[in-house]
Amino acid sequence: MCLVLLAGGFVKWLCKVYIGVHEFFILYTIKLLMVILLLEWFLINCLHCFYKILILWSSLVESLWVQWIE
């Protein structure tokens, strides 16, 4: 009888550990995905801004080049 109670307590503890580990991984997976999405959003915005600056810079260089040639 004592062995059955001990085994039942062990199974109950094992279930709690499994649920705790499962929740831990789910929460940290969600947090990791949020960080990845935030980083991706930041990089896309920075690259878009860099692209605009590059276009403005190239048009400025082109206009200066045309003025210098004339």
C-alpha atoms as a PDB file:
ATOM      1  CA  MET A   1       0.000   0.000   0.000  1.00  0.00           C
ATOM      2  CA  CYS A   2       2.796   2.397   0.913  1.00  0.00           C
ATOM      3  CA  LEU A   3       4.565   1.583  -2.335  1.00  0.00           C
ATOM      4  CA  VAL A   4       1.405   2.403  -4.312  1.00  0.00           C
ATOM      5  CA  LEU A   5       1.072   5.764  -2.547  1.00  0.00           C
ATOM      6  CA  LEU A   6       4.749   6.469  -3.162  1.00  0.00           C
ATOM      7  CA  ALA A   7       4.410   5.586  -6.854  1.00  0.00           C
ATOM      8  CA  GLY A   8       1.264   7.728  -7.110  1.00  0.00           C
ATOM      9  CA  GLY A   9       3.084  10.669  -5.529  1.00  0.00           C
ATOM     10  CA  PHE A  10       6.005  10.196  -7.913  1.00  0.00           C
ATOM     11  CA  VAL A  11       3.664  10.150 -10.930  1.00  0.00           C
ATOM     12  CA  LYS A  12       1.916  13.279  -9.638  1.00  0.00           C
ATOM     13  CA  TRP A  13       5.292  15.015  -9.149  1.00  0.00           C
ATOM     14  CA  LEU A  14       6.418  13.886 -12.614  1.00  0.00           C
ATOM     15  CA  CYS A  15       3.251  15.349 -14.154  1.00  0.00           C
ATOM     16  CA  LYS A  16       3.850  18.661 -12.362  1.00  0.00           C
ATOM     17  CA  VAL A  17       7.446  18.739 -13.599  1.00  0.00           C
ATOM     18  CA  TYR A  18       6.338  17.908 -17.154  1.00  0.00           C
ATOM     19  CA  ILE A  19       3.662  20.620 -17.123  1.00  0.00           C
ATOM     20  CA  GLY A  20       6.118  23.132 -15.630  1.00  0.00           C
ATOM     21  CA  VAL A  21       8.792  22.365 -18.216  1.00  0.00           C
ATOM     22  CA  HIS A  22       6.190  22.415 -20.990  1.00  0.00           C
ATOM     23  CA  GLU A  23       4.892  25.842 -19.868  1.00  0.00           C
ATOM     24  CA  PHE A  24       8.474  27.115 -19.539  1.00  0.00           C
ATOM     25  CA  PHE A  25       9.321  26.120 -23.103  1.00  0.00           C
ATOM     26  CA  ILE A  26       6.035  27.484 -24.481  1.00  0.00           C
ATOM     27  CA  LEU A  27       6.532  30.851 -22.753  1.00  0.00           C
ATOM     28  CA  TYR A  28      10.144  31.179 -23.821  1.00  0.00           C
ATOM     29  CA  THR A  29       9.329  30.051 -27.358  1.00  0.00           C
ATOM     30  CA  ILE A  30       6.664  32.763 -27.566  1.00  0.00           C
ATOM     31  CA  LYS A  31       9.090  35.334 -26.148  1.00  0.00           C
ATOM     32  CA  LEU A  32      11.788  34.232 -28.594  1.00  0.00           C
ATOM     33  CA  LEU A  33       9.363  34.542 -31.516  1.00  0.00           C
ATOM     34  CA  MET A  34       8.360  38.019 -30.345  1.00  0.00           C
ATOM     35  CA  VAL A  35      12.023  39.075 -30.173  1.00  0.00           C
ATOM     36  CA  ILE A  36      12.671  37.643 -33.650  1.00  0.00           C
ATOM     37  CA  LEU A  37       9.650  39.466 -35.089  1.00  0.00           C
ATOM     38  CA  LEU A  38      10.685  42.713 -33.408  1.00  0.00           C
ATOM     39  CA  LEU A  39      14.231  42.356 -34.726  1.00  0.00           C
ATOM     40  CA  GLU A  40      12.924  41.572 -38.196  1.00  0.00           C
ATOM     41  CA  TRP A  41      10.634  44.632 -38.118  1.00  0.00           C
ATOM     42  CA  PHE A  42      13.530  46.821 -36.949  1.00  0.00           C
ATOM     43  CA  LEU A  43      15.870  45.521 -39.655  1.00  0.00           C
ATOM     44  CA  ILE A  44      13.266  45.972 -42.389  1.00  0.00           C
ATOM     45  CA  ASN A  45      12.649  49.566 -41.305  1.00  0.00           C
ATOM     46  CA  CYS A  46      16.372  50.297 -41.077  1.00  0.00           C
ATOM     47  CA  LEU A  47      17.034  48.768 -44.489  1.00  0.00           C
ATOM     48  CA  HIS A  48      14.154  50.751 -45.978  1.00  0.00           C
ATOM     49  CA  CYS A  49      15.555  53.954 -44.460  1.00  0.00           C
ATOM     50  CA  PHE A  50      19.054  53.062 -45.692  1.00  0.00           C
ATOM     51  CA  TYR A  51      17.637  52.428 -49.166  1.00  0.00           C
ATOM     52  CA  LYS A  52      15.975  55.869 -49.199  1.00  0.00           C
ATOM     53  CA  ILE A  53      19.215  57.532 -48.078  1.00  0.00           C
ATOM     54  CA  LEU A  54      21.132  55.623 -50.747  1.00  0.00           C
ATOM     55  CA  ILE A  55      18.709  56.774 -53.456  1.00  0.00           C
ATOM     56  CA  LEU A  56      18.925  60.391 -52.289  1.00  0.00           C
ATOM     57  CA  TRP A  57      22.722  60.184 -52.150  1.00  0.00           C
ATOM     58  CA  SER A  58      22.970  58.681 -55.638  1.00  0.00           C
ATOM     59  CA  SER A  59      20.657  61.335 -57.104  1.00  0.00           C
ATOM     60  CA  LEU A  60      22.742  64.053 -55.442  1.00  0.00           C
ATOM     61  CA  VAL A  61      25.976  62.579 -56.812  1.00  0.00           C
ATOM     62  CA  GLU A  62      24.409  62.244 -60.251  1.00  0.00           C
ATOM     63  CA  SER A  63      23.231  65.866 -60.277  1.00  0.00           C
ATOM     64  CA  LEU A  64      26.671  67.070 -59.155  1.00  0.00           C
ATOM     65  CA  TRP A  65      28.297  64.941 -61.833  1.00  0.00           C
ATOM     66  CA  VAL A  66      26.001  66.380 -64.523  1.00  0.00           C
ATOM     67  CA  GLN A  67      26.738  69.934 -63.356  1.00  0.00           C
ATOM     68  CA  TRP A  68      30.463  69.241 -63.343  1.00  0.00           C
ATOM     69  CA  ILE A  69      30.372  67.819 -66.896  1.00  0.00           C
ATOM     70  CA  GLU A  70      28.435  70.797 -68.265  1.00  0.00           C
END
